[in-house]
């Protein structure tokens, strides 16, 4: 029996040597899995939060419609009757293609076109001459978008673009 104990002693010592190596390997694997999981969670959480916090909302591509004459755009008497100023402006609307009361097959429905032109002209005529300054153009576009969406129904107009602007 002493020979058996002597033979078992090196095996037991070998197991003791392998045991810490196996533990370290297991801890490294568990650490990597945890780090990957935490990284995935943080990345997806940040991406979701940043996407929802942004002002731009994702939507299907809109249909672009130019208001007024295809070449000249719109010519409007601004500043009141005594103002004597004219505004030549090119306005392009990005319209929601899903709104069938506004646009069908890429063209404005006549009723919607009339409402759009009326609302746009009312806004342009009511703006003071000083508010046509280039630094205030974003506010004008925002007002046009908001008022058109009130007139046509929320979500009808995605964006308003001013492509030309001449005030005389």
N, C-alpha and C. Protein backbone atom coordinates (compact mmCIF):
# COMPACT_ATOMS: atom_id res chain seq x y z
N UNK A 1 0.78 -1.20 0.00
CA UNK A 1 0.00 0.00 0.00
C UNK A 1 0.83 1.27 0.00
N UNK A 2 1.96 1.28 0.61
CA UNK A 2 2.75 2.49 0.55
C UNK A 2 3.10 2.86 -0.88
N UNK A 3 3.27 1.86 -1.77
CA UNK A 3 3.59 2.18 -3.16
C UNK A 3 2.43 2.89 -3.84
N UNK A 4 1.20 2.49 -3.49
CA UNK A 4 0.02 3.12 -4.08
C UNK A 4 -0.09 4.57 -3.61
N UNK A 5 0.23 4.82 -2.36
CA UNK A 5 0.17 6.19 -1.84
C UNK A 5 1.23 7.04 -2.50
N UNK A 6 2.39 6.46 -2.72
CA UNK A 6 3.45 7.21 -3.40
C UNK A 6 3.07 7.54 -4.84
N UNK A 7 2.37 6.60 -5.52
CA UNK A 7 1.95 6.82 -6.91
C UNK A 7 0.83 7.84 -6.97
N UNK A 8 -0.04 7.88 -5.98
CA UNK A 8 -1.16 8.81 -5.97
C UNK A 8 -0.71 10.22 -5.59
N UNK A 9 0.38 10.35 -4.90
CA UNK A 9 0.86 11.67 -4.46
C UNK A 9 1.21 12.57 -5.65
N UNK A 10 1.93 12.11 -6.69
CA UNK A 10 2.21 13.01 -7.83
C UNK A 10 0.95 13.40 -8.57
N UNK A 11 -0.03 12.51 -8.64
CA UNK A 11 -1.29 12.82 -9.34
C UNK A 11 -2.04 13.91 -8.58
N UNK A 12 -2.04 13.80 -7.24
CA UNK A 12 -2.71 14.80 -6.42
C UNK A 12 -2.01 16.15 -6.54
N UNK A 13 -0.69 16.12 -6.58
CA UNK A 13 0.05 17.38 -6.73
C UNK A 13 -0.20 18.00 -8.11
N UNK A 14 -0.30 17.16 -9.12
CA UNK A 14 -0.57 17.65 -10.47
C UNK A 14 -1.95 18.29 -10.54
N UNK A 15 -2.93 17.71 -9.88
CA UNK A 15 -4.29 18.26 -9.86
C UNK A 15 -4.29 19.60 -9.14
N UNK A 16 -3.51 19.70 -8.07
CA UNK A 16 -3.43 20.96 -7.33
C UNK A 16 -2.81 22.05 -8.20
N UNK A 17 -1.83 21.71 -9.04
CA UNK A 17 -1.20 22.68 -9.93
C UNK A 17 -2.17 23.13 -11.03
N UNK A 18 -2.97 22.20 -11.56
CA UNK A 18 -3.90 22.51 -12.66
C UNK A 18 -5.11 23.29 -12.15
N UNK A 19 -5.50 23.08 -10.92
CA UNK A 19 -6.69 23.71 -10.36
C UNK A 19 -6.63 25.24 -10.42
N UNK A 20 -5.55 25.92 -10.00
CA UNK A 20 -5.53 27.38 -10.11
C UNK A 20 -5.53 27.86 -11.56
N UNK A 21 -4.90 27.14 -12.46
CA UNK A 21 -4.87 27.52 -13.87
C UNK A 21 -6.28 27.45 -14.45
N UNK A 22 -7.01 26.42 -14.12
CA UNK A 22 -8.38 26.27 -14.61
C UNK A 22 -9.26 27.38 -14.03
N UNK A 23 -9.07 27.70 -12.74
CA UNK A 23 -9.85 28.76 -12.10
C UNK A 23 -9.58 30.11 -12.78
N UNK A 24 -8.33 30.40 -13.07
CA UNK A 24 -7.97 31.65 -13.72
C UNK A 24 -8.60 31.70 -15.11
N UNK A 25 -8.55 30.62 -15.85
CA UNK A 25 -9.13 30.57 -17.19
C UNK A 25 -10.64 30.79 -17.12
N UNK A 26 -11.30 30.18 -16.16
CA UNK A 26 -12.75 30.35 -16.01
C UNK A 26 -13.07 31.80 -15.65
N UNK A 27 -12.31 32.39 -14.75
CA UNK A 27 -12.53 33.78 -14.37
C UNK A 27 -12.32 34.73 -15.55
N UNK A 28 -11.31 34.47 -16.38
CA UNK A 28 -11.06 35.30 -17.56
C UNK A 28 -12.24 35.20 -18.53
N UNK A 29 -12.73 34.00 -18.77
CA UNK A 29 -13.87 33.81 -19.68
C UNK A 29 -15.11 34.50 -19.14
N UNK A 30 -15.39 34.33 -17.85
CA UNK A 30 -16.55 34.98 -17.24
C UNK A 30 -16.39 36.50 -17.32
N UNK A 31 -15.21 37.02 -17.07
CA UNK A 31 -14.97 38.46 -17.16
C UNK A 31 -15.20 38.99 -18.56
N UNK A 32 -14.73 38.25 -19.56
CA UNK A 32 -14.94 38.68 -20.95
C UNK A 32 -16.42 38.67 -21.32
N UNK A 33 -17.14 37.66 -20.88
CA UNK A 33 -18.58 37.59 -21.16
C UNK A 33 -19.30 38.76 -20.48
N UNK A 34 -18.97 39.05 -19.24
CA UNK A 34 -19.58 40.18 -18.54
C UNK A 34 -19.24 41.51 -19.22
N UNK A 35 -18.00 41.70 -19.60
CA UNK A 35 -17.59 42.93 -20.27
C UNK A 35 -18.33 43.10 -21.59
N UNK A 36 -18.47 42.03 -22.35
CA UNK A 36 -19.20 42.08 -23.62
C UNK A 36 -20.67 42.41 -23.40
N UNK A 37 -21.26 41.79 -22.39
CA UNK A 37 -22.67 42.05 -22.08
C UNK A 37 -22.90 43.49 -21.66
N UNK A 38 -22.04 44.00 -20.81
CA UNK A 38 -22.17 45.37 -20.35
C UNK A 38 -21.96 46.34 -21.51
N UNK A 39 -20.98 46.07 -22.35
CA UNK A 39 -20.74 46.93 -23.52
C UNK A 39 -21.94 46.94 -24.45
N UNK A 40 -22.52 45.78 -24.69
CA UNK A 40 -23.70 45.69 -25.55
C UNK A 40 -24.86 46.49 -24.95
N UNK A 41 -25.10 46.32 -23.65
CA UNK A 41 -26.20 47.03 -22.99
C UNK A 41 -26.00 48.54 -23.06
N UNK A 42 -24.81 49.00 -22.74
CA UNK A 42 -24.53 50.44 -22.73
C UNK A 42 -24.67 51.01 -24.14
N UNK A 43 -24.14 50.32 -25.12
CA UNK A 43 -24.22 50.80 -26.50
C UNK A 43 -25.66 50.88 -26.98
N UNK A 44 -26.43 49.83 -26.77
CA UNK A 44 -27.82 49.86 -27.23
C UNK A 44 -28.63 50.88 -26.46
N UNK A 45 -28.38 51.04 -25.19
CA UNK A 45 -29.09 52.02 -24.38
C UNK A 45 -28.77 53.44 -24.86
N UNK A 46 -27.50 53.73 -25.09
CA UNK A 46 -27.10 55.06 -25.55
C UNK A 46 -27.65 55.35 -26.94
N UNK A 47 -27.60 54.37 -27.82
CA UNK A 47 -28.09 54.57 -29.19
C UNK A 47 -29.60 54.82 -29.18
N UNK A 48 -30.33 54.09 -28.36
CA UNK A 48 -31.77 54.27 -28.28
C UNK A 48 -32.11 55.63 -27.70
N UNK A 49 -31.41 56.02 -26.63
CA UNK A 49 -31.67 57.31 -26.01
C UNK A 49 -31.32 58.47 -26.93
N UNK A 50 -30.20 58.37 -27.65
CA UNK A 50 -29.81 59.46 -28.54
C UNK A 50 -30.75 59.55 -29.73
N UNK A 51 -31.25 58.42 -30.20
CA UNK A 51 -32.18 58.45 -31.33
C UNK A 51 -33.53 59.04 -30.91
N UNK A 52 -33.98 58.73 -29.71
CA UNK A 52 -35.27 59.26 -29.27
C UNK A 52 -35.15 60.70 -28.81
N UNK A 53 -33.98 61.12 -28.37
CA UNK A 53 -33.80 62.49 -27.89
C UNK A 53 -33.63 63.47 -29.04
N UNK A 54 -33.21 62.99 -30.21
CA UNK A 54 -32.99 63.87 -31.34
C UNK A 54 -34.28 64.47 -31.85
N UNK A 55 -34.18 65.67 -32.43
CA UNK A 55 -35.36 66.33 -32.94
C UNK A 55 -35.81 65.74 -34.27
N UNK A 56 -34.89 65.20 -35.01
CA UNK A 56 -35.25 64.64 -36.29
C UNK A 56 -35.91 63.30 -36.09
N UNK A 57 -37.05 63.17 -36.66
CA UNK A 57 -37.78 61.92 -36.57
C UNK A 57 -37.64 61.21 -37.90
N UNK A 58 -37.46 59.94 -37.82
CA UNK A 58 -37.34 59.17 -39.05
C UNK A 58 -38.71 59.02 -39.69
N UNK A 59 -38.72 59.15 -41.00
CA UNK A 59 -39.97 58.99 -41.74
C UNK A 59 -39.64 58.52 -43.15
N UNK A 60 -40.65 58.06 -43.83
CA UNK A 60 -40.46 57.66 -45.21
C UNK A 60 -40.11 58.89 -46.03
N UNK A 61 -39.41 58.71 -47.14
CA UNK A 61 -39.09 59.87 -47.97
C UNK A 61 -40.36 60.59 -48.41
N UNK A 62 -40.33 61.90 -48.34
CA UNK A 62 -41.50 62.67 -48.72
C UNK A 62 -41.49 62.99 -50.21
N UNK A 63 -42.59 63.57 -50.64
CA UNK A 63 -42.72 64.03 -52.01
C UNK A 63 -42.45 65.53 -51.98
N UNK A 64 -41.55 65.99 -52.84
CA UNK A 64 -41.19 67.41 -52.87
C UNK A 64 -42.09 68.14 -53.86
N UNK A 65 -42.71 69.21 -53.36
CA UNK A 65 -43.65 69.99 -54.17
C UNK A 65 -43.25 71.46 -54.10
N UNK A 66 -43.07 72.08 -55.28
CA UNK A 66 -42.73 73.51 -55.33
C UNK A 66 -44.01 74.30 -55.39
N UNK A 67 -44.08 75.35 -54.57
CA UNK A 67 -45.26 76.20 -54.55
C UNK A 67 -45.14 77.31 -55.59
N UNK A 68 -46.30 77.70 -56.13
CA UNK A 68 -46.33 78.79 -57.10
C UNK A 68 -45.90 78.35 -58.48
N UNK A 69 -45.39 79.31 -59.23
CA UNK A 69 -44.94 79.07 -60.60
C UNK A 69 -43.68 78.20 -60.59
N UNK A 70 -43.60 77.28 -61.52
CA UNK A 70 -42.47 76.35 -61.56
C UNK A 70 -41.14 77.08 -61.72
N UNK A 71 -41.13 78.18 -62.47
CA UNK A 71 -39.89 78.91 -62.71
C UNK A 71 -39.65 79.99 -61.65
N UNK A 72 -40.66 80.80 -61.39
CA UNK A 72 -40.50 81.97 -60.53
C UNK A 72 -40.84 81.73 -59.06
N UNK A 73 -41.57 80.70 -58.76
CA UNK A 73 -42.00 80.50 -57.38
C UNK A 73 -43.20 81.37 -57.08
N UNK A 74 -43.17 82.08 -55.97
CA UNK A 74 -44.28 82.93 -55.57
C UNK A 74 -43.81 84.38 -55.49
N UNK A 75 -44.67 85.29 -55.94
CA UNK A 75 -44.40 86.72 -55.81
C UNK A 75 -45.50 87.29 -54.93
N UNK A 76 -45.08 87.90 -53.82
CA UNK A 76 -46.03 88.35 -52.81
C UNK A 76 -45.75 89.80 -52.45
N UNK A 77 -46.83 90.60 -52.32
CA UNK A 77 -46.73 91.97 -51.84
C UNK A 77 -46.65 91.88 -50.31
N UNK A 78 -45.52 92.31 -49.74
CA UNK A 78 -45.33 92.21 -48.30
C UNK A 78 -45.20 93.60 -47.68
N UNK A 79 -45.38 93.67 -46.39
CA UNK A 79 -45.25 94.94 -45.69
C UNK A 79 -46.49 95.79 -45.75
N UNK A 80 -47.62 95.23 -46.10
CA UNK A 80 -48.87 95.98 -46.16
C UNK A 80 -49.03 96.71 -47.48
N UNK A 81 -50.17 97.36 -47.62
CA UNK A 81 -50.49 98.07 -48.87
C UNK A 81 -49.52 99.21 -49.11
N UNK A 82 -49.14 99.90 -48.06
CA UNK A 82 -48.25 101.04 -48.20
C UNK A 82 -46.78 100.64 -48.17
N UNK A 83 -46.52 99.37 -47.93
CA UNK A 83 -45.14 98.92 -47.85
C UNK A 83 -44.42 99.00 -49.17
N UNK A 84 -45.12 98.66 -50.23
CA UNK A 84 -44.53 98.73 -51.56
C UNK A 84 -43.37 97.77 -51.77
N UNK A 85 -43.28 96.74 -51.00
CA UNK A 85 -42.21 95.75 -51.14
C UNK A 85 -42.79 94.46 -51.72
N UNK A 86 -41.96 93.83 -52.54
CA UNK A 86 -42.36 92.57 -53.12
C UNK A 86 -41.34 91.49 -52.76
N UNK A 87 -41.86 90.34 -52.50
CA UNK A 87 -41.03 89.18 -52.16
C UNK A 87 -41.21 88.13 -53.25
N UNK A 88 -40.10 87.75 -53.82
CA UNK A 88 -40.10 86.65 -54.78
C UNK A 88 -39.41 85.50 -54.06
N UNK A 89 -40.16 84.44 -53.80
CA UNK A 89 -39.64 83.36 -52.98
C UNK A 89 -39.96 82.00 -53.62
N UNK A 90 -38.97 81.14 -53.56
CA UNK A 90 -39.17 79.76 -54.00
C UNK A 90 -39.30 78.89 -52.75
N UNK A 91 -40.45 78.25 -52.62
CA UNK A 91 -40.71 77.40 -51.46
C UNK A 91 -41.00 75.99 -51.95
N UNK A 92 -40.30 75.04 -51.35
CA UNK A 92 -40.52 73.63 -51.66
C UNK A 92 -40.95 72.94 -50.37
N UNK A 93 -42.03 72.20 -50.44
CA UNK A 93 -42.53 71.45 -49.29
C UNK A 93 -42.20 69.98 -49.45
N UNK A 94 -41.79 69.35 -48.36
CA UNK A 94 -41.65 67.90 -48.34
C UNK A 94 -42.91 67.36 -47.69
N UNK A 95 -43.75 66.72 -48.51
CA UNK A 95 -45.08 66.30 -48.08
C UNK A 95 -45.09 64.79 -47.82
N UNK A 96 -45.82 64.40 -46.79
CA UNK A 96 -45.97 62.99 -46.41
C UNK A 96 -46.76 62.26 -47.50
N UNK A 97 -46.17 61.27 -48.17
CA UNK A 97 -46.87 60.58 -49.26
C UNK A 97 -48.03 59.71 -48.77
N UNK A 98 -48.07 59.42 -47.48
CA UNK A 98 -49.15 58.58 -46.94
C UNK A 98 -50.45 59.37 -46.75
N UNK A 99 -50.37 60.69 -46.76
CA UNK A 99 -51.57 61.53 -46.57
C UNK A 99 -52.29 61.67 -47.91
N UNK A 100 -53.22 60.79 -48.16
CA UNK A 100 -53.93 60.77 -49.45
C UNK A 100 -54.89 61.95 -49.60
N UNK A 101 -55.20 62.65 -48.52
CA UNK A 101 -56.03 63.84 -48.63
C UNK A 101 -55.21 65.04 -49.10
N UNK A 102 -53.89 64.89 -49.11
CA UNK A 102 -53.01 65.98 -49.51
C UNK A 102 -52.35 65.70 -50.86
N UNK A 103 -51.87 64.48 -51.03
CA UNK A 103 -51.10 64.16 -52.23
C UNK A 103 -51.48 62.78 -52.76
N UNK A 104 -51.67 62.70 -54.06
CA UNK A 104 -51.99 61.44 -54.72
C UNK A 104 -51.11 61.31 -55.95
N UNK A 105 -50.40 60.20 -56.04
CA UNK A 105 -49.52 59.92 -57.17
C UNK A 105 -48.53 61.06 -57.42
N UNK A 106 -47.98 61.62 -56.36
CA UNK A 106 -46.96 62.65 -56.46
C UNK A 106 -47.46 64.04 -56.78
N UNK A 107 -48.78 64.23 -56.83
CA UNK A 107 -49.34 65.55 -57.12
C UNK A 107 -50.28 65.97 -56.00
N UNK A 108 -50.29 67.28 -55.74
CA UNK A 108 -51.18 67.80 -54.70
C UNK A 108 -52.63 67.67 -55.13
N UNK A 109 -53.47 67.32 -54.18
CA UNK A 109 -54.92 67.31 -54.40
C UNK A 109 -55.34 68.79 -54.50
N UNK A 110 -56.21 69.15 -55.43
CA UNK A 110 -56.56 70.57 -55.62
C UNK A 110 -57.01 71.28 -54.34
N UNK A 111 -57.80 70.62 -53.51
CA UNK A 111 -58.25 71.26 -52.26
C UNK A 111 -57.06 71.54 -51.34
N UNK A 112 -56.14 70.59 -51.26
CA UNK A 112 -54.96 70.77 -50.42
C UNK A 112 -54.06 71.86 -50.98
N UNK A 113 -53.92 71.92 -52.29
CA UNK A 113 -53.09 72.95 -52.92
C UNK A 113 -53.63 74.34 -52.61
N UNK A 114 -54.95 74.49 -52.67
CA UNK A 114 -55.57 75.78 -52.36
C UNK A 114 -55.32 76.16 -50.91
N UNK A 115 -55.46 75.21 -50.00
CA UNK A 115 -55.22 75.48 -48.57
C UNK A 115 -53.75 75.83 -48.32
N UNK A 116 -52.86 75.14 -49.00
CA UNK A 116 -51.43 75.40 -48.83
C UNK A 116 -51.07 76.80 -49.30
N UNK A 117 -51.54 77.18 -50.50
CA UNK A 117 -51.24 78.50 -51.04
C UNK A 117 -51.85 79.60 -50.18
N UNK A 118 -53.09 79.40 -49.73
CA UNK A 118 -53.74 80.39 -48.89
C UNK A 118 -52.99 80.59 -47.57
N UNK A 119 -52.66 79.50 -46.91
CA UNK A 119 -51.95 79.59 -45.63
C UNK A 119 -50.58 80.23 -45.81
N UNK A 120 -49.88 79.84 -46.85
CA UNK A 120 -48.54 80.38 -47.11
C UNK A 120 -48.60 81.88 -47.39
N UNK A 121 -49.53 82.29 -48.23
CA UNK A 121 -49.67 83.72 -48.54
C UNK A 121 -50.05 84.53 -47.31
N UNK A 122 -50.95 84.01 -46.49
CA UNK A 122 -51.33 84.72 -45.27
C UNK A 122 -50.13 84.92 -44.35
N UNK A 123 -49.33 83.90 -44.21
CA UNK A 123 -48.14 84.01 -43.35
C UNK A 123 -47.16 85.01 -43.92
N UNK A 124 -46.85 84.90 -45.21
CA UNK A 124 -45.87 85.81 -45.82
C UNK A 124 -46.33 87.26 -45.77
N UNK A 125 -47.63 87.50 -45.95
CA UNK A 125 -48.15 88.87 -45.92
C UNK A 125 -48.17 89.44 -44.50
N UNK A 126 -48.29 88.58 -43.51
CA UNK A 126 -48.39 89.06 -42.13
C UNK A 126 -47.03 89.30 -41.47
N UNK A 127 -45.97 88.80 -42.09
CA UNK A 127 -44.63 88.95 -41.51
C UNK A 127 -44.14 90.38 -41.74
N UNK A 128 -43.54 90.95 -40.70
CA UNK A 128 -42.97 92.30 -40.82
C UNK A 128 -41.71 92.24 -41.68
N UNK A 129 -41.41 93.33 -42.33
CA UNK A 129 -40.25 93.41 -43.22
C UNK A 129 -38.97 93.01 -42.49
N UNK A 130 -38.83 93.44 -41.25
CA UNK A 130 -37.62 93.13 -40.47
C UNK A 130 -37.46 91.62 -40.23
N UNK A 131 -38.58 90.91 -40.23
CA UNK A 131 -38.53 89.47 -39.97
C UNK A 131 -38.14 88.64 -41.19
N UNK A 132 -37.92 89.29 -42.31
CA UNK A 132 -37.44 88.58 -43.50
C UNK A 132 -35.91 88.50 -43.52
N UNK A 133 -35.28 88.92 -42.47
CA UNK A 133 -33.83 88.85 -42.35
C UNK A 133 -33.38 87.39 -42.46
N UNK A 134 -32.23 87.16 -43.06
CA UNK A 134 -31.71 85.80 -43.27
C UNK A 134 -31.54 85.04 -41.96
N UNK A 135 -31.21 85.74 -40.89
CA UNK A 135 -31.01 85.07 -39.61
C UNK A 135 -32.33 84.57 -39.01
N UNK A 136 -33.45 85.06 -39.51
CA UNK A 136 -34.76 84.65 -39.00
C UNK A 136 -35.48 83.70 -39.94
N UNK A 137 -34.77 83.20 -40.94
CA UNK A 137 -35.39 82.35 -41.95
C UNK A 137 -35.84 81.01 -41.38
N UNK A 138 -35.09 80.46 -40.42
CA UNK A 138 -35.50 79.19 -39.81
C UNK A 138 -36.81 79.34 -39.06
N UNK A 139 -37.01 80.47 -38.40
CA UNK A 139 -38.27 80.72 -37.69
C UNK A 139 -39.43 80.80 -38.68
N UNK A 140 -39.19 81.43 -39.82
CA UNK A 140 -40.23 81.53 -40.85
C UNK A 140 -40.59 80.15 -41.39
N UNK A 141 -39.58 79.34 -41.65
CA UNK A 141 -39.83 77.98 -42.15
C UNK A 141 -40.60 77.16 -41.10
N UNK A 142 -40.23 77.32 -39.83
CA UNK A 142 -40.93 76.61 -38.76
C UNK A 142 -42.38 77.02 -38.66
N UNK A 143 -42.64 78.33 -38.78
CA UNK A 143 -44.02 78.82 -38.73
C UNK A 143 -44.82 78.29 -39.91
N UNK A 144 -44.22 78.30 -41.09
CA UNK A 144 -44.91 77.75 -42.27
C UNK A 144 -45.26 76.28 -42.05
N UNK A 145 -44.29 75.51 -41.59
CA UNK A 145 -44.52 74.07 -41.37
C UNK A 145 -45.62 73.85 -40.34
N UNK A 146 -45.55 74.55 -39.21
CA UNK A 146 -46.55 74.36 -38.15
C UNK A 146 -47.95 74.74 -38.62
N UNK A 147 -48.07 75.89 -39.29
CA UNK A 147 -49.39 76.33 -39.74
C UNK A 147 -49.94 75.43 -40.84
N UNK A 148 -49.08 74.97 -41.74
CA UNK A 148 -49.55 74.06 -42.79
C UNK A 148 -50.00 72.73 -42.19
N UNK A 149 -49.30 72.24 -41.18
CA UNK A 149 -49.72 71.00 -40.53
C UNK A 149 -51.03 71.18 -39.78
N UNK A 150 -51.28 72.38 -39.23
CA UNK A 150 -52.57 72.65 -38.58
C UNK A 150 -53.68 72.64 -39.62
N UNK A 151 -53.39 73.23 -40.78
CA UNK A 151 -54.40 73.33 -41.84
C UNK A 151 -54.69 71.98 -42.51
N UNK A 152 -53.64 71.22 -42.79
CA UNK A 152 -53.78 69.97 -43.55
C UNK A 152 -53.93 68.73 -42.67
N UNK A 153 -53.55 68.85 -41.42
CA UNK A 153 -53.54 67.69 -40.53
C UNK A 153 -52.11 67.38 -40.12
N UNK A 154 -51.92 67.07 -38.84
CA UNK A 154 -50.57 66.83 -38.33
C UNK A 154 -49.85 65.75 -39.13
N UNK A 155 -48.58 66.00 -39.38
CA UNK A 155 -47.75 65.05 -40.10
C UNK A 155 -47.86 65.13 -41.62
N UNK A 156 -48.59 66.12 -42.11
CA UNK A 156 -48.75 66.25 -43.56
C UNK A 156 -47.50 66.82 -44.22
N UNK A 157 -46.87 67.80 -43.56
CA UNK A 157 -45.68 68.44 -44.11
C UNK A 157 -44.50 68.08 -43.23
N UNK A 158 -43.51 67.40 -43.84
CA UNK A 158 -42.31 67.03 -43.10
C UNK A 158 -41.38 68.22 -42.90
N UNK A 159 -41.19 68.98 -43.97
CA UNK A 159 -40.24 70.08 -43.89
C UNK A 159 -40.55 71.13 -44.95
N UNK A 160 -40.03 72.33 -44.72
CA UNK A 160 -40.18 73.45 -45.65
C UNK A 160 -38.79 73.91 -46.05
N UNK A 161 -38.58 74.07 -47.34
CA UNK A 161 -37.29 74.53 -47.87
C UNK A 161 -37.50 75.82 -48.64
N UNK A 162 -36.65 76.79 -48.40
CA UNK A 162 -36.69 78.04 -49.15
C UNK A 162 -35.52 78.00 -50.13
N UNK A 163 -35.84 77.94 -51.43
CA UNK A 163 -34.81 77.75 -52.44
C UNK A 163 -34.35 79.06 -53.07
N UNK A 164 -35.19 80.09 -53.01
CA UNK A 164 -34.77 81.41 -53.48
C UNK A 164 -35.53 82.45 -52.66
N UNK A 165 -34.91 83.65 -52.55
CA UNK A 165 -35.49 84.66 -51.68
C UNK A 165 -35.00 86.03 -52.11
N UNK A 166 -35.89 86.81 -52.74
CA UNK A 166 -35.53 88.15 -53.18
C UNK A 166 -36.57 89.11 -52.67
N UNK A 167 -36.13 90.11 -51.91
CA UNK A 167 -37.02 91.13 -51.37
C UNK A 167 -36.65 92.47 -52.00
N UNK A 168 -37.62 93.11 -52.68
CA UNK A 168 -37.37 94.42 -53.32
C UNK A 168 -38.37 95.43 -52.85
